[in-house]
Amino acid sequence: MRRTDPEGHGPVRYGPPLPEPGFPVLPELSRTLTAAADGTAAEPAGGGPALLDAACGYWARRGLSTGRGHVAAAPGAPPLLLALTAVLGGDILVPRPCPAWWVPQARLLGRSVFHVPTPAECGGVPDPYALLETVRRVRAEGGDPRLLVLSVADDPTATVPPPEVLHETVEAAASAGLYVVSDETWRDTLHPYGTPDGTHGADSRPVLLGPAEMLPDRVTVVVDLAGAFLPGGWPAAVARFPSTEEGLRLRDGVLDVLTAVGGRIAAPVAAVAAHALAEPEGVTARLTASARVHGAVATAAHRGVQRAGALALPPRAGRHLYVDLGPLRPALAVRGVGDAQELEDYLTGLLGMPAPGGHRFGDDLGALRVRLCTAPLLGTTERQRAETLTASDPLEMPYVERALTMFGTAFDDLRADAQRREPR
């Protein structure tokens, strides 16, 4: 990730991408892409029948019956959120922190964005009481809050909101008259829960429910396939609209925007996206193996930062860990680190891996928070990463063990320095 302009502290073009999977591309996806590469027909705006039908099947397997007329596809989730924001109008509310790509869509359209604190136990959703108070305040000041964007498996915090917390937030949004967009990009990357000794052998996973199951007429679901299914360089995303007349009108408006901005998914990528969304055995096996490995490594990294005195919620999904180094501020200050941008620069160099600061996710610049990705800890070559993917215990792979040791040592050194500077 490139260094930002010191005056801008985070221009959009330098923002962090979605965390990479770290594993080689699944061969059957490569073959599907290659087979479709000779075609000359373009996908229509919103996606062709094969892709839309695959998306309908994907949601049906998750308990959401969906017709082709209530689905749209685009080259990545940002164009879909841009179109939804344009059609729905009004001001936007998001949790703090939130994915780095959410806010630029609203800013581009000149909309106001209001960050709402999250509950203590998770990220991804705003605290329901804080949400209602924020809506009341914004309306009292002449604002027009209409849209709440949330996530049921969160980037950056890697947490999954408990069903009861999500339900309270959705009820609050409904009572405030807000429309909900649910970013479910990471829902298929849930980690197996670990056993007490920290290993990942259990069959259970976090319980995930979506807002569309709770408020079916007022929720659009967006899934960027770069989260679980496809490489980031093959942009594809799908959206599911409510099965109502209003849902049809909203989809029509989104298609108008996608057409206007040329937001058509490339035909070869559409073919591979349809294949992935059909979830054949090879795809589901890769999803399961990837979640197991990233979960094990994220849990080990979480133990390392906690041992050093930093703070982080236990990771439950995705390929990352969100760390608050506030308790180590004295040691970091000696190293010239006083805000999230300086922390990003320092840790990126120290760890040899991207460490985007919390300011990129809507957190305060002064807070010493970073998102760390697990992919760089899986091995340095494609062969090593492929071996990690199939290992019975990825933490016993020598290069993973070595990477985690170096990772933990960097934080241990900060902790030791902070302890030396504590008043006696």
Foldseek 3Di string as FASTA:
>chain_A
DDADDPVVLDDPVPFDDAFFLLADAQVVLVVLLVVFVPDDDFAAFFGDDLLLVLLQVLVVVVVDRADSLQKGKFQADLLLLLLLCVVQDFAEEEEQQADLSNPVSQVVVVHHYHYAYPDPQDAFAHQLVSVLVVLVVCVVVPGGAAEYETEQQGPPQLDGDAPVRVLSNLVSCVVSNHAYEYEHQWVLLFAADADPVLARDDPDAGDTDDCCVVVVQRYKYKYWCCQQFDPPVQGMIMIGFRPDPVSSVSVVSSSVSCVVVVRGHGRSSSSSSSVLSNPDPSNSLLSRLSSHLLLSLQSLLQVLLVVLPWDGRRRGTTFKTKIFCVLLQVLVVVVVDQWQSSLQVVCCVQLVAGWHGSVSRVDDRRTNMTIGGNSVLQDDDNVSNVCLSPDPGSCPRVSSVVSSVSSSVVSNVSSVSSVVPDDD
